[in-house]
Amino acid sequence: MAGSKIVFREYTSDDSFTKLTDIPKDVSEIQVALTFARDYDGVGSTQGKFIPYWDTAIVNPDVIANFKSKYPSAKVLVSIGNNKRHFPFKIDEDRVTAWINAATESLTRIIKEYNLDGIDVYYEDIEVSNPAIFVHCIGELIKTLKLNKVITRASISPNIEINDNFYRSLHQNFEDHIDYVNLFLSVVENLTGNTNQEEVLEKLKPTFNQYPPTKRLLGYSSIPPPPIFFVVSKILLSHSFINGISLKVTSFSITYFPPQWILDLLQSPLAILGSCKCNL
């Protein structure tokens, strides 16, 4: 990848990350984002009091400690957010300060209990009266966790549809505390075998150009990713347009795509099909 090192991130709610057997030399850092911690219980919103919703029976502090011992460069993040329209980010304006305090306290407790390294913000559904509420709440949460040295990594994960309204302002106001911007492609981008790679690249550019190249990761939000995703990823990596990729992985899925296969595929000739005519 033009001699540079890349970041590979796996989103998972189970222990599939422990099945990695070999880290390619081009990968500088493995990141595992545990999905999700949410401020919801079985009844409704807990107003900033986050609860782990990954499989805590098999992804426990010992499993994480063993994984990080095996791969010293690995970082494990807690991903806060929602899947589609379930568990939205929803705060009344008069609850902002209380939410920030509750979120900081509960996530600090989770991060310390599981020996995690950072936080990823992955809200697809945001229901607030003013985008500034989301920006302020999430930005202050990240900043406080960073300044308190609770985390060393902070990431935001927008998709193209909601980036301009929420995540761009979040990065502009708190860019010193945000390390990665993981832009998710999804099924709405209609990535199929007939998709032209130049079309995909042109669609990505306006959003990606809002962020520094060293922070950019390209992700795919469904399982399994289509072949065109790897083609586009390889092109962007070879031009140093992105710093890594991310994918969802779950061994409970009937379309289970082992993370080791993903890393191997990125190294294979299959991943360098075609040439880029797009002006990056």
C-alpha atoms as a PDB file:
ATOM      1  CA  MET A   1       0.000   0.000   0.000  1.00  0.00           C
ATOM      2  CA  ALA A   2       2.548   2.477  -1.244  1.00  0.00           C
ATOM      3  CA  GLY A   3       4.860   1.419   1.566  1.00  0.00           C
ATOM      4  CA  SER A   4       2.556   2.755   4.254  1.00  0.00           C
ATOM      5  CA  LYS A   5       0.989   1.015   7.224  1.00  0.00           C
ATOM      6  CA  ILE A   6      -2.770   0.737   7.551  1.00  0.00           C
ATOM      7  CA  VAL A   7      -5.397   0.364  10.237  1.00  0.00           C
ATOM      8  CA  PHE A   8      -7.841  -2.539  10.125  1.00  0.00           C
ATOM      9  CA  ARG A   9     -10.974  -2.298  12.270  1.00  0.00           C
ATOM     10  CA  GLU A  10     -13.471  -5.045  12.974  1.00  0.00           C
ATOM     11  CA  TYR A  11     -16.933  -4.275  14.315  1.00  0.00           C
ATOM     12  CA  THR A  12     -18.291  -7.201  16.279  1.00  0.00           C
ATOM     13  CA  SER A  13     -20.526  -8.195  19.157  1.00  0.00           C
ATOM     14  CA  ASP A  14     -18.880 -11.590  19.672  1.00  0.00           C
ATOM     15  CA  ASP A  15     -15.379 -13.071  20.015  1.00  0.00           C
ATOM     16  CA  SER A  16     -14.642 -13.461  16.295  1.00  0.00           C
ATOM     17  CA  PHE A  17     -11.631 -11.154  16.678  1.00  0.00           C
ATOM     18  CA  THR A  18      -9.873 -13.807  18.759  1.00  0.00           C
ATOM     19  CA  LYS A  19      -9.746 -16.041  15.667  1.00  0.00           C
ATOM     20  CA  LEU A  20      -7.170 -13.875  13.911  1.00  0.00           C
ATOM     21  CA  THR A  21      -4.070 -15.945  13.232  1.00  0.00           C
ATOM     22  CA  ASP A  22      -1.745 -13.752  11.223  1.00  0.00           C
ATOM     23  CA  ILE A  23      -1.462  -9.976  10.942  1.00  0.00           C
ATOM     24  CA  PRO A  24      -0.068  -8.830   7.546  1.00  0.00           C
ATOM     25  CA  LYS A  25       3.001  -6.640   7.703  1.00  0.00           C
ATOM     26  CA  ASP A  26       1.092  -3.770   6.078  1.00  0.00           C
ATOM     27  CA  VAL A  27      -1.286  -3.544   9.042  1.00  0.00           C
ATOM     28  CA  SER A  28       0.038  -1.223  11.740  1.00  0.00           C
ATOM     29  CA  GLU A  29      -2.900  -1.454  14.108  1.00  0.00           C
ATOM     30  CA  ILE A  30      -5.761  -3.860  14.611  1.00  0.00           C
ATOM     31  CA  GLN A  31      -8.834  -2.226  16.108  1.00  0.00           C
ATOM     32  CA  VAL A  32     -11.818  -4.076  17.517  1.00  0.00           C
ATOM     33  CA  ALA A  33     -14.995  -2.023  17.976  1.00  0.00           C
ATOM     34  CA  LEU A  34     -17.437  -3.757  20.311  1.00  0.00           C
ATOM     35  CA  THR A  35     -21.054  -3.189  19.280  1.00  0.00           C
ATOM     36  CA  PHE A  36     -22.719  -1.646  21.069  1.00  0.00           C
ATOM     37  CA  ALA A  37     -22.951   0.207  24.340  1.00  0.00           C
ATOM     38  CA  ARG A  38     -26.302   1.997  24.485  1.00  0.00           C
ATOM     39  CA  ASP A  39     -28.078   4.265  26.929  1.00  0.00           C
ATOM     40  CA  TYR A  40     -31.189   2.108  26.698  1.00  0.00           C
ATOM     41  CA  ASP A  41     -32.473  -0.713  28.846  1.00  0.00           C
ATOM     42  CA  GLY A  42     -35.313  -3.089  28.095  1.00  0.00           C
ATOM     43  CA  VAL A  43     -37.901  -0.359  28.652  1.00  0.00           C
ATOM     44  CA  GLY A  44     -36.536   2.877  27.223  1.00  0.00           C
ATOM     45  CA  SER A  45     -33.777   5.480  27.348  1.00  0.00           C
ATOM     46  CA  THR A  46     -31.533   5.600  30.409  1.00  0.00           C
ATOM     47  CA  GLN A  47     -30.483   9.180  29.590  1.00  0.00           C
ATOM     48  CA  GLY A  48     -26.746   8.711  29.216  1.00  0.00           C
ATOM     49  CA  LYS A  49     -26.257   5.648  31.439  1.00  0.00           C
ATOM     50  CA  PHE A  50     -24.624   3.292  28.952  1.00  0.00           C
ATOM     51  CA  ILE A  51     -24.946  -0.499  29.111  1.00  0.00           C
ATOM     52  CA  PRO A  52     -22.847  -3.057  27.149  1.00  0.00           C
ATOM     53  CA  TYR A  53     -24.928  -4.903  24.563  1.00  0.00           C
ATOM     54  CA  TRP A  54     -22.231  -7.086  23.051  1.00  0.00           C
ATOM     55  CA  ASP A  55     -22.081 -10.714  24.205  1.00  0.00           C
ATOM     56  CA  THR A  56     -20.507 -10.118  27.611  1.00  0.00           C
ATOM     57  CA  ALA A  57     -20.582 -13.851  28.358  1.00  0.00           C
ATOM     58  CA  ILE A  58     -17.885 -14.531  25.754  1.00  0.00           C
ATOM     59  CA  VAL A  59     -16.328 -11.078  25.360  1.00  0.00           C
ATOM     60  CA  ASN A  60     -15.218 -10.413  28.909  1.00  0.00           C
ATOM     61  CA  PRO A  61     -12.212  -8.581  30.401  1.00  0.00           C
ATOM     62  CA  ASP A  62     -10.050 -11.737  30.382  1.00  0.00           C
ATOM     63  CA  VAL A  63     -10.708 -12.409  26.685  1.00  0.00           C
ATOM     64  CA  ILE A  64      -9.810  -8.827  25.804  1.00  0.00           C
ATOM     65  CA  ALA A  65      -6.669  -8.909  27.958  1.00  0.00           C
ATOM     66  CA  ASN A  66      -5.508 -12.147  26.310  1.00  0.00           C
ATOM     67  CA  PHE A  67      -6.125 -10.753  22.834  1.00  0.00           C
ATOM     68  CA  LYS A  68      -4.177  -7.574  23.549  1.00  0.00           C
ATOM     69  CA  SER A  69      -1.360  -9.617  25.056  1.00  0.00           C
ATOM     70  CA  LYS A  70      -1.159 -11.680  21.868  1.00  0.00           C
ATOM     71  CA  TYR A  71      -1.281  -8.592  19.627  1.00  0.00           C
ATOM     72  CA  PRO A  72       0.393  -5.669  21.471  1.00  0.00           C
ATOM     73  CA  SER A  73      -0.586  -3.184  18.769  1.00  0.00           C
ATOM     74  CA  ALA A  74      -4.284  -4.056  19.063  1.00  0.00           C
ATOM     75  CA  LYS A  75      -6.738  -1.480  20.358  1.00  0.00           C
ATOM     76  CA  VAL A  76     -10.237  -2.315  21.562  1.00  0.00           C
ATOM     77  CA  LEU A  77     -12.945   0.351  21.393  1.00  0.00           C
ATOM     78  CA  VAL A  78     -16.465   0.599  22.691  1.00  0.00           C
ATOM     79  CA  SER A  79     -18.826   1.631  19.909  1.00  0.00           C
ATOM     80  CA  ILE A  80     -21.790   3.699  21.064  1.00  0.00           C
ATOM     81  CA  GLY A  81     -24.710   4.043  18.726  1.00  0.00           C
ATOM     82  CA  ASN A  82     -27.585   2.360  17.043  1.00  0.00           C
ATOM     83  CA  ASN A  83     -28.537   0.083  14.211  1.00  0.00           C
ATOM     84  CA  LYS A  84     -30.816   1.810  11.709  1.00  0.00           C
ATOM     85  CA  ARG A  85     -33.796   3.275  13.576  1.00  0.00           C
ATOM     86  CA  HIS A  86     -33.414   1.347  16.804  1.00  0.00           C
ATOM     87  CA  PHE A  87     -31.961   3.107  19.878  1.00  0.00           C
ATOM     88  CA  PRO A  88     -31.593   6.614  18.373  1.00  0.00           C
ATOM     89  CA  PHE A  89     -29.577   9.457  19.810  1.00  0.00           C
ATOM     90  CA  LYS A  90     -32.382  11.418  21.424  1.00  0.00           C
ATOM     91  CA  ILE A  91     -31.920  14.106  24.074  1.00  0.00           C
ATOM     92  CA  ASP A  92     -34.091  17.004  25.169  1.00  0.00           C
ATOM     93  CA  GLU A  93     -32.319  20.342  25.264  1.00  0.00           C
ATOM     94  CA  ASP A  94     -32.782  20.713  29.015  1.00  0.00           C
ATOM     95  CA  ARG A  95     -31.094  17.321  29.617  1.00  0.00           C
ATOM     96  CA  VAL A  96     -27.814  18.040  27.844  1.00  0.00           C
ATOM     97  CA  THR A  97     -25.565  18.564  30.881  1.00  0.00           C
ATOM     98  CA  ALA A  98     -27.089  15.640  32.763  1.00  0.00           C
ATOM     99  CA  TRP A  99     -26.606  13.388  29.712  1.00  0.00           C
ATOM    100  CA  ILE A 100     -22.937  14.340  29.322  1.00  0.00           C
ATOM    101  CA  ASN A 101     -22.244  13.673  32.999  1.00  0.00           C
ATOM    102  CA  ALA A 102     -24.071  10.329  33.005  1.00  0.00           C
ATOM    103  CA  ALA A 103     -22.451   9.219  29.748  1.00  0.00           C
ATOM    104  CA  THR A 104     -18.966  10.151  30.957  1.00  0.00           C
ATOM    105  CA  GLU A 105     -19.435   8.284  34.228  1.00  0.00           C
ATOM    106  CA  SER A 106     -20.979   5.122  32.773  1.00  0.00           C
ATOM    107  CA  LEU A 107     -18.585   4.827  29.831  1.00  0.00           C
ATOM    108  CA  THR A 108     -15.582   5.455  32.075  1.00  0.00           C
ATOM    109  CA  ARG A 109     -16.725   2.546  34.210  1.00  0.00           C
ATOM    110  CA  ILE A 110     -17.194   0.249  31.179  1.00  0.00           C
ATOM    111  CA  ILE A 111     -13.861   1.230  29.612  1.00  0.00           C
ATOM    112  CA  LYS A 112     -11.948   0.600  32.827  1.00  0.00           C
ATOM    113  CA  GLU A 113     -13.747  -2.681  33.585  1.00  0.00           C
ATOM    114  CA  TYR A 114     -13.000  -4.124  30.141  1.00  0.00           C
ATOM    115  CA  ASN A 115      -9.576  -2.470  29.743  1.00  0.00           C
ATOM    116  CA  LEU A 116     -10.621  -0.713  26.540  1.00  0.00           C
ATOM    117  CA  ASP A 117      -8.619   1.869  24.624  1.00  0.00           C
ATOM    118  CA  GLY A 118     -11.154   4.141  23.063  1.00  0.00           C
ATOM    119  CA  ILE A 119     -14.602   5.079  21.881  1.00  0.00           C
ATOM    120  CA  ASP A 120     -16.295   4.989  18.490  1.00  0.00           C
ATOM    121  CA  VAL A 121     -19.421   7.069  17.798  1.00  0.00           C
ATOM    122  CA  TYR A 122     -21.699   5.231  15.394  1.00  0.00           C
ATOM    123  CA  TYR A 123     -25.158   6.777  15.446  1.00  0.00           C
ATOM    124  CA  GLU A 124     -27.161   6.324  12.247  1.00  0.00           C
ATOM    125  CA  ASP A 125     -30.391   7.721  13.659  1.00  0.00           C
ATOM    126  CA  ILE A 126     -30.164  11.079  15.430  1.00  0.00           C
ATOM    127  CA  GLU A 127     -33.369  12.677  16.722  1.00  0.00           C
ATOM    128  CA  VAL A 128     -32.650  16.115  18.140  1.00  0.00           C
ATOM    129  CA  SER A 129     -34.292  19.498  17.667  1.00  0.00           C
ATOM    130  CA  ASN A 130     -30.953  21.069  16.745  1.00  0.00           C
ATOM    131  CA  PRO A 131     -27.824  19.335  15.355  1.00  0.00           C
ATOM    132  CA  ALA A 132     -25.775  21.433  17.804  1.00  0.00           C
ATOM    133  CA  ILE A 133     -27.130  19.271  20.646  1.00  0.00           C
ATOM    134  CA  PHE A 134     -25.544  16.138  19.147  1.00  0.00           C
ATOM    135  CA  VAL A 135     -22.299  17.985  18.410  1.00  0.00           C
ATOM    136  CA  HIS A 136     -22.019  19.399  21.933  1.00  0.00           C
ATOM    137  CA  CYS A 137     -22.970  16.201  23.791  1.00  0.00           C
ATOM    138  CA  ILE A 138     -20.735  13.837  21.824  1.00  0.00           C
ATOM    139  CA  GLY A 139     -17.891  16.321  21.505  1.00  0.00           C
ATOM    140  CA  GLU A 140     -17.789  17.079  25.226  1.00  0.00           C
ATOM    141  CA  LEU A 141     -17.991  13.364  26.016  1.00  0.00           C
ATOM    142  CA  ILE A 142     -15.012  12.570  23.789  1.00  0.00           C
ATOM    143  CA  LYS A 143     -13.022  15.564  25.036  1.00  0.00           C
ATOM    144  CA  THR A 144     -13.600  14.706  28.683  1.00  0.00           C
ATOM    145  CA  LEU A 145     -12.632  11.054  28.222  1.00  0.00           C
ATOM    146  CA  LYS A 146      -9.486  12.141  26.396  1.00  0.00           C
ATOM    147  CA  LEU A 147      -8.488  14.824  28.908  1.00  0.00           C
ATOM    148  CA  ASN A 148      -9.121  12.434  31.803  1.00  0.00           C
ATOM    149  CA  LYS A 149      -6.833   9.918  30.044  1.00  0.00           C
ATOM    150  CA  VAL A 150      -9.586   7.316  30.073  1.00  0.00           C
ATOM    151  CA  ILE A 151      -9.079   6.714  26.333  1.00  0.00           C
ATOM    152  CA  THR A 152      -6.288   7.082  23.797  1.00  0.00           C
ATOM    153  CA  ARG A 153      -8.427   6.607  20.669  1.00  0.00           C
ATOM    154  CA  ALA A 154     -11.580   8.430  19.578  1.00  0.00           C
ATOM    155  CA  SER A 155     -13.416   7.731  16.357  1.00  0.00           C
ATOM    156  CA  ILE A 156     -16.557   8.950  14.619  1.00  0.00           C
ATOM    157  CA  SER A 157     -18.362   6.795  12.046  1.00  0.00           C
ATOM    158  CA  PRO A 158     -20.743   8.708   9.783  1.00  0.00           C
ATOM    159  CA  ASN A 159     -22.322   7.638   6.540  1.00  0.00           C
ATOM    160  CA  ILE A 160     -22.736   9.901   3.534  1.00  0.00           C
ATOM    161  CA  GLU A 161     -26.402  10.651   4.265  1.00  0.00           C
ATOM    162  CA  ILE A 162     -25.957  12.136   7.745  1.00  0.00           C
ATOM    163  CA  ASN A 163     -22.393  13.417   7.632  1.00  0.00           C
ATOM    164  CA  ASP A 164     -23.090  17.028   6.652  1.00  0.00           C
ATOM    165  CA  ASN A 165     -25.801  17.601   9.254  1.00  0.00           C
ATOM    166  CA  PHE A 166     -23.994  16.154  12.254  1.00  0.00           C
ATOM    167  CA  TYR A 167     -20.540  14.643  11.955  1.00  0.00           C
ATOM    168  CA  ARG A 168     -18.788  17.328   9.954  1.00  0.00           C
ATOM    169  CA  SER A 169     -19.596  19.925  12.624  1.00  0.00           C
ATOM    170  CA  LEU A 170     -18.595  17.473  15.341  1.00  0.00           C
ATOM    171  CA  HIS A 171     -15.161  17.083  13.776  1.00  0.00           C
ATOM    172  CA  GLN A 172     -14.769  20.802  13.087  1.00  0.00           C
ATOM    173  CA  ASN A 173     -15.449  21.671  16.722  1.00  0.00           C
ATOM    174  CA  PHE A 174     -13.512  18.823  18.361  1.00  0.00           C
ATOM    175  CA  GLU A 175     -10.944  17.790  15.763  1.00  0.00           C
ATOM    176  CA  ASP A 176      -8.048  17.858  18.240  1.00  0.00           C
ATOM    177  CA  HIS A 177      -9.695  15.028  20.185  1.00  0.00           C
ATOM    178  CA  ILE A 178     -10.837  12.864  17.228  1.00  0.00           C
ATOM    179  CA  ASP A 179      -8.309  10.415  15.801  1.00  0.00           C
ATOM    180  CA  TYR A 180     -10.300   8.590  13.113  1.00  0.00           C
ATOM    181  CA  VAL A 181     -13.240   9.233  10.805  1.00  0.00           C
ATOM    182  CA  ASN A 182     -14.683   5.959   9.586  1.00  0.00           C
ATOM    183  CA  LEU A 183     -16.953   6.640   6.601  1.00  0.00           C
ATOM    184  CA  PHE A 184     -19.426   3.816   6.152  1.00  0.00           C
ATOM    185  CA  LEU A 185     -20.662   2.726   2.781  1.00  0.00           C
ATOM    186  CA  SER A 186     -23.890   0.764   2.988  1.00  0.00           C
ATOM    187  CA  VAL A 187     -26.394  -1.078   0.863  1.00  0.00           C
ATOM    188  CA  VAL A 188     -27.979   2.241  -0.079  1.00  0.00           C
ATOM    189  CA  GLU A 189     -24.921   2.952  -2.200  1.00  0.00           C
ATOM    190  CA  ASN A 190     -25.950  -0.050  -4.355  1.00  0.00           C
ATOM    191  CA  LEU A 191     -22.505  -1.581  -4.558  1.00  0.00           C
ATOM    192  CA  THR A 192     -23.012  -4.521  -6.899  1.00  0.00           C
ATOM    193  CA  GLY A 193     -20.948  -6.473  -9.350  1.00  0.00           C
ATOM    194  CA  ASN A 194     -21.970  -3.945 -12.019  1.00  0.00           C
ATOM    195  CA  THR A 195     -20.923  -0.911 -10.013  1.00  0.00           C
ATOM    196  CA  ASN A 196     -18.267   1.214 -11.672  1.00  0.00           C
ATOM    197  CA  GLN A 197     -15.390   1.861  -9.275  1.00  0.00           C
ATOM    198  CA  GLU A 198     -14.924   5.413 -10.554  1.00  0.00           C
ATOM    199  CA  GLU A 199     -18.546   6.155  -9.669  1.00  0.00           C
ATOM    200  CA  VAL A 200     -17.990   4.945  -6.126  1.00  0.00           C
ATOM    201  CA  LEU A 201     -14.817   6.975  -5.772  1.00  0.00           C
ATOM    202  CA  GLU A 202     -16.502  10.126  -7.043  1.00  0.00           C
ATOM    203  CA  LYS A 203     -19.334   9.615  -4.567  1.00  0.00           C
ATOM    204  CA  LEU A 204     -16.868   9.310  -1.679  1.00  0.00           C
ATOM    205  CA  LYS A 205     -14.679  12.292  -2.472  1.00  0.00           C
ATOM    206  CA  PRO A 206     -16.918  15.199  -1.334  1.00  0.00           C
ATOM    207  CA  THR A 207     -17.371  13.656   2.108  1.00  0.00           C
ATOM    208  CA  PHE A 208     -13.860  12.322   2.571  1.00  0.00           C
ATOM    209  CA  ASN A 209     -12.274  15.612   1.532  1.00  0.00           C
ATOM    210  CA  GLN A 210     -13.759  17.212   4.646  1.00  0.00           C
ATOM    211  CA  TYR A 211     -11.329  15.194   6.785  1.00  0.00           C
ATOM    212  CA  PRO A 212      -7.524  14.743   6.895  1.00  0.00           C
ATOM    213  CA  PRO A 213      -6.294  11.669   4.955  1.00  0.00           C
ATOM    214  CA  THR A 214      -4.471  10.307   8.016  1.00  0.00           C
ATOM    215  CA  LYS A 215      -7.793  10.051   9.886  1.00  0.00           C
ATOM    216  CA  ARG A 216      -9.837   8.424   7.118  1.00  0.00           C
ATOM    217  CA  LEU A 217     -11.060   4.838   7.261  1.00  0.00           C
ATOM    218  CA  LEU A 218     -13.450   3.308   4.744  1.00  0.00           C
ATOM    219  CA  GLY A 219     -16.044   0.930   6.112  1.00  0.00           C
ATOM    220  CA  TYR A 220     -18.848  -1.264   4.843  1.00  0.00           C
ATOM    221  CA  SER A 221     -21.878  -1.651   7.064  1.00  0.00           C
ATOM    222  CA  SER A 222     -23.359  -4.960   5.920  1.00  0.00           C
ATOM    223  CA  ILE A 223     -22.228  -8.586   5.946  1.00  0.00           C
ATOM    224  CA  PRO A 224     -20.579  -9.750   3.745  1.00  0.00           C
ATOM    225  CA  PRO A 225     -18.963  -6.834   1.841  1.00  0.00           C
ATOM    226  CA  PRO A 226     -19.221  -6.953  -1.977  1.00  0.00           C
ATOM    227  CA  PRO A 227     -16.028  -7.449  -4.053  1.00  0.00           C
ATOM    228  CA  ILE A 228     -16.159  -3.850  -5.299  1.00  0.00           C
ATOM    229  CA  PHE A 229     -15.555  -2.681  -1.724  1.00  0.00           C
ATOM    230  CA  PHE A 230     -12.130  -4.355  -1.708  1.00  0.00           C
ATOM    231  CA  VAL A 231     -11.279  -2.971  -5.145  1.00  0.00           C
ATOM    232  CA  VAL A 232     -12.126   0.581  -4.084  1.00  0.00           C
ATOM    233  CA  SER A 233     -10.347   0.135  -0.738  1.00  0.00           C
ATOM    234  CA  LYS A 234      -7.175  -1.069  -2.431  1.00  0.00           C
ATOM    235  CA  ILE A 235      -7.194   1.886  -4.834  1.00  0.00           C
ATOM    236  CA  LEU A 236      -7.688   4.408  -2.035  1.00  0.00           C
ATOM    237  CA  LEU A 237      -5.027   2.772   0.125  1.00  0.00           C
ATOM    238  CA  SER A 238      -2.510   2.709  -2.727  1.00  0.00           C
ATOM    239  CA  HIS A 239      -3.012   6.450  -3.230  1.00  0.00           C
ATOM    240  CA  SER A 240      -2.806   7.167   0.535  1.00  0.00           C
ATOM    241  CA  PHE A 241      -6.324   8.603   0.286  1.00  0.00           C
ATOM    242  CA  ILE A 242      -7.396   6.565   3.325  1.00  0.00           C
ATOM    243  CA  ASN A 243      -5.505   5.185   6.307  1.00  0.00           C
ATOM    244  CA  GLY A 244      -7.382   1.904   6.685  1.00  0.00           C
ATOM    245  CA  ILE A 245     -10.638  -0.010   6.425  1.00  0.00           C
ATOM    246  CA  SER A 246     -13.346  -1.326   8.721  1.00  0.00           C
ATOM    247  CA  LEU A 247     -15.880  -4.126   8.396  1.00  0.00           C
ATOM    248  CA  LYS A 248     -18.630  -5.740  10.414  1.00  0.00           C
ATOM    249  CA  VAL A 249     -17.937  -9.304  11.468  1.00  0.00           C
ATOM    250  CA  THR A 250     -20.064 -11.689  13.487  1.00  0.00           C
ATOM    251  CA  SER A 251     -19.603 -15.426  13.720  1.00  0.00           C
ATOM    252  CA  PHE A 252     -23.305 -15.774  14.571  1.00  0.00           C
ATOM    253  CA  SER A 253     -24.278 -14.645  11.071  1.00  0.00           C
ATOM    254  CA  ILE A 254     -25.087 -17.127   8.295  1.00  0.00           C
ATOM    255  CA  THR A 255     -22.894 -14.907   6.108  1.00  0.00           C
ATOM    256  CA  TYR A 256     -19.947 -15.085   8.502  1.00  0.00           C
ATOM    257  CA  PHE A 257     -16.849 -13.605   6.886  1.00  0.00           C
ATOM    258  CA  PRO A 258     -13.844 -14.394   9.106  1.00  0.00           C
ATOM    259  CA  PRO A 259     -11.644 -11.364   9.785  1.00  0.00           C
ATOM    260  CA  GLN A 260      -8.574 -13.333   8.725  1.00  0.00           C
ATOM    261  CA  TRP A 261     -10.078 -13.761   5.251  1.00  0.00           C
ATOM    262  CA  ILE A 262     -10.526 -10.005   5.029  1.00  0.00           C
ATOM    263  CA  LEU A 263      -6.891  -9.348   5.848  1.00  0.00           C
ATOM    264  CA  ASP A 264      -5.745 -12.056   3.440  1.00  0.00           C
ATOM    265  CA  LEU A 265      -7.986 -10.693   0.679  1.00  0.00           C
ATOM    266  CA  LEU A 266      -6.488  -7.238   1.003  1.00  0.00           C
ATOM    267  CA  GLN A 267      -3.091  -8.781   0.298  1.00  0.00           C
ATOM    268  CA  SER A 268      -4.232 -10.809  -2.700  1.00  0.00           C
ATOM    269  CA  PRO A 269      -4.199  -9.959  -6.424  1.00  0.00           C
ATOM    270  CA  LEU A 270      -8.013  -9.988  -6.319  1.00  0.00           C
ATOM    271  CA  ALA A 271      -7.906  -6.743  -4.406  1.00  0.00           C
ATOM    272  CA  ILE A 272      -6.009  -4.835  -7.089  1.00  0.00           C
ATOM    273  CA  LEU A 273      -8.288  -5.459 -10.052  1.00  0.00           C
ATOM    274  CA  GLY A 274      -8.623  -2.522 -12.373  1.00  0.00           C
ATOM    275  CA  SER A 275      -7.011   0.887 -12.369  1.00  0.00           C
ATOM    276  CA  CYS A 276      -8.284   4.153 -11.033  1.00  0.00           C
ATOM    277  CA  LYS A 277      -9.135   6.869 -13.559  1.00  0.00           C
ATOM    278  CA  CYS A 278     -10.501   9.042 -10.808  1.00  0.00           C
ATOM    279  CA  ASN A 279      -8.622  12.196  -9.851  1.00  0.00           C
ATOM    280  CA  LEU A 280      -7.911  11.646  -6.150  1.00  0.00           C
END
